[in-house]
């Protein structure tokens, strides 16, 4: 990967195709990790709630029996979070998930309004607000390169 200050419009169509091809395996692994992490977290919460529910209903302490699977699921969830690949733009080599640039991660347009004191960043082109992680990452926020049609 190279570091550059080029924008999406500066890339040739062959470069864009190659960047998308390079990014595809990262996106596949990222999606798989996120799904597995969601399942592990939900299972952990299910074990925690089930232990509390059965302890309440039967007036016995069932929590030790549910604590081991809860902690195991939580540990696997944490391990999945730590091993999830970082979303790095193959064009400009910048972090796409945790840092914000001038481009909208949803549509890739340069219509992203900067956040203010009482408002979050907002795209004038597609209307998405960059609140929390309630948006999909399709494009690099630094160079505007559209990398994934489905979104991450």
Protein backbone atom coordinates (compact mmCIF):
# COMPACT_ATOMS: atom_id res chain seq x y z
CA UNK A 1 0.00 0.00 0.00
CA UNK A 2 1.11 3.49 -0.66
CA UNK A 3 0.45 6.78 1.05
CA UNK A 4 -0.81 9.53 -1.20
CA UNK A 5 -3.01 12.59 -1.18
CA UNK A 6 -4.84 11.58 -4.35
CA UNK A 7 -8.62 11.74 -4.56
CA UNK A 8 -10.95 9.14 -6.11
CA UNK A 9 -11.21 11.21 -9.28
CA UNK A 10 -7.42 10.99 -9.70
CA UNK A 11 -7.43 7.19 -9.95
CA UNK A 12 -7.67 5.44 -13.30
CA UNK A 13 -10.48 2.94 -13.84
CA UNK A 14 -7.90 0.11 -13.76
CA UNK A 15 -6.59 1.34 -10.41
CA UNK A 16 -10.12 1.54 -9.00
CA UNK A 17 -10.86 -2.02 -10.12
CA UNK A 18 -7.61 -3.20 -8.52
CA UNK A 19 -8.31 -1.32 -5.27
CA UNK A 20 -11.79 -2.85 -5.07
CA UNK A 21 -10.32 -6.30 -5.78
CA UNK A 22 -7.71 -5.78 -3.03
CA UNK A 23 -10.36 -4.61 -0.57
CA UNK A 24 -12.87 -7.44 -1.21
CA UNK A 25 -11.13 -10.13 0.95
CA UNK A 26 -10.81 -7.66 3.83
CA UNK A 27 -14.53 -6.86 3.57
CA UNK A 28 -15.46 -10.56 3.57
CA UNK A 29 -13.41 -11.29 6.70
CA UNK A 30 -14.68 -8.10 8.36
CA UNK A 31 -18.33 -9.09 7.76
CA UNK A 32 -17.71 -12.63 9.03
CA UNK A 33 -16.03 -11.34 12.20
CA UNK A 34 -18.79 -8.82 12.87
CA UNK A 35 -21.54 -11.47 12.49
CA UNK A 36 -19.69 -13.96 14.70
CA UNK A 37 -19.05 -11.23 17.27
CA UNK A 38 -22.73 -10.27 17.32
CA UNK A 39 -23.73 -13.92 17.86
CA UNK A 40 -21.21 -14.38 20.70
CA UNK A 41 -22.30 -11.17 22.40
CA UNK A 42 -25.99 -12.11 22.16
CA UNK A 43 -25.26 -15.59 23.51
CA UNK A 44 -23.31 -14.09 26.42
CA UNK A 45 -26.21 -11.78 27.27
CA UNK A 46 -28.63 -14.70 26.89
CA UNK A 47 -26.65 -16.79 29.42
CA UNK A 48 -26.53 -13.86 31.82
CA UNK A 49 -30.28 -13.21 31.58
CA UNK A 50 -31.13 -16.92 31.75
CA UNK A 51 -29.06 -17.34 34.92
CA UNK A 52 -30.79 -14.39 36.53
CA UNK A 53 -34.23 -15.53 35.37
CA UNK A 54 -33.84 -19.11 36.62
CA UNK A 55 -32.36 -17.90 39.92
CA UNK A 56 -35.37 -15.61 40.40
CA UNK A 57 -38.03 -18.14 39.38
CA UNK A 58 -36.68 -21.15 41.30
CA UNK A 59 -35.25 -19.21 44.28
CA UNK A 60 -31.90 -20.95 43.88
CA UNK A 61 -28.58 -19.60 42.75
CA UNK A 62 -28.18 -20.78 39.15
CA UNK A 63 -25.69 -18.04 38.28
CA UNK A 64 -22.52 -20.18 38.77
CA UNK A 65 -23.79 -22.64 36.16
CA UNK A 66 -24.45 -19.85 33.67
CA UNK A 67 -21.31 -17.86 34.52
CA UNK A 68 -18.89 -20.18 32.72
CA UNK A 69 -20.67 -20.12 29.33
CA UNK A 70 -21.26 -16.37 29.80
CA UNK A 71 -17.56 -15.71 30.39
CA UNK A 72 -16.57 -18.06 27.57
CA UNK A 73 -18.85 -16.27 25.08
CA UNK A 74 -17.64 -12.89 26.33
CA UNK A 75 -14.01 -13.98 25.93
CA UNK A 76 -14.63 -15.23 22.38
CA UNK A 77 -16.46 -11.97 21.59
CA UNK A 78 -13.49 -9.94 22.84
CA UNK A 79 -11.04 -12.11 20.87
CA UNK A 80 -13.15 -11.59 17.71
CA UNK A 81 -13.12 -7.82 18.27
CA UNK A 82 -9.34 -7.83 18.62
CA UNK A 83 -8.78 -9.94 15.48
CA UNK A 84 -11.24 -8.14 13.20
CA UNK A 85 -9.26 -6.63 10.32
CA UNK A 86 -8.83 -2.88 10.21
CA UNK A 87 -10.55 -1.08 7.34
CA UNK A 88 -7.68 0.63 5.56
CA UNK A 89 -8.19 2.23 2.15
CA UNK A 90 -6.00 0.51 -0.43
CA UNK A 91 -5.75 3.82 -2.32
CA UNK A 92 -4.68 6.35 0.30
CA UNK A 93 -3.76 3.88 3.12
CA UNK A 94 -5.83 5.73 5.73
CA UNK A 95 -8.16 4.33 8.37
CA UNK A 96 -11.73 4.25 7.05
CA UNK A 97 -13.55 3.24 10.22
CA UNK A 98 -12.20 5.34 13.06
CA UNK A 99 -11.15 8.58 11.40
CA UNK A 100 -13.28 10.94 9.36
CA UNK A 101 -12.28 12.83 6.26
CA UNK A 102 -14.16 15.13 3.89
CA UNK A 103 -16.01 12.38 2.02
CA UNK A 104 -19.21 10.61 3.00
CA UNK A 105 -18.59 6.94 3.86
CA UNK A 106 -22.06 6.02 2.52
CA UNK A 107 -22.06 7.65 -0.92
CA UNK A 108 -18.47 8.83 -1.41
CA UNK A 109 -19.43 12.42 -2.24
CA UNK A 110 -17.52 15.42 -0.94
CA UNK A 111 -20.73 16.78 0.61
CA UNK A 112 -19.97 15.86 4.20
CA UNK A 113 -20.65 18.74 6.57
CA UNK A 114 -18.24 18.86 9.47
CA UNK A 115 -19.64 18.18 12.93
CA UNK A 116 -20.40 21.12 15.16
CA UNK A 117 -20.80 21.63 18.87
CA UNK A 118 -24.35 20.23 18.97
CA UNK A 119 -24.55 18.28 15.70
CA UNK A 120 -22.91 15.29 14.09
CA UNK A 121 -21.36 15.18 10.63
CA UNK A 122 -24.06 15.05 7.96
CA UNK A 123 -23.96 14.35 4.22
CA UNK A 124 -25.86 16.82 2.07
CA UNK A 125 -25.86 14.42 -0.90
CA UNK A 126 -27.37 11.26 0.61
CA UNK A 127 -28.82 12.70 3.83
CA UNK A 128 -27.04 10.31 6.21
CA UNK A 129 -25.88 11.44 9.63
CA UNK A 130 -22.61 10.06 10.92
CA UNK A 131 -23.98 9.37 14.39
CA UNK A 132 -22.40 6.43 16.19
CA UNK A 133 -22.03 3.68 13.62
CA UNK A 134 -25.51 3.80 12.11
CA UNK A 135 -24.15 4.20 8.61
CA UNK A 136 -22.47 1.82 6.20
CA UNK A 137 -18.90 2.25 5.05
CA UNK A 138 -18.86 1.98 1.28
CA UNK A 139 -16.25 4.62 0.45
CA UNK A 140 -13.08 5.99 1.97
CA UNK A 141 -13.75 9.17 3.93
CA UNK A 142 -10.31 10.55 3.04
CA UNK A 143 -10.10 10.10 -0.73
CA UNK A 144 -13.70 9.27 -1.68
CA UNK A 145 -12.80 5.95 -3.31
CA UNK A 146 -15.91 3.71 -3.52
CA UNK A 147 -14.71 0.30 -2.36
CA UNK A 148 -17.73 -1.78 -1.38
CA UNK A 149 -21.24 -1.71 -2.85
CA UNK A 150 -22.86 -3.60 0.04
CA UNK A 151 -21.29 -1.54 2.78
CA UNK A 152 -19.66 -2.54 6.05
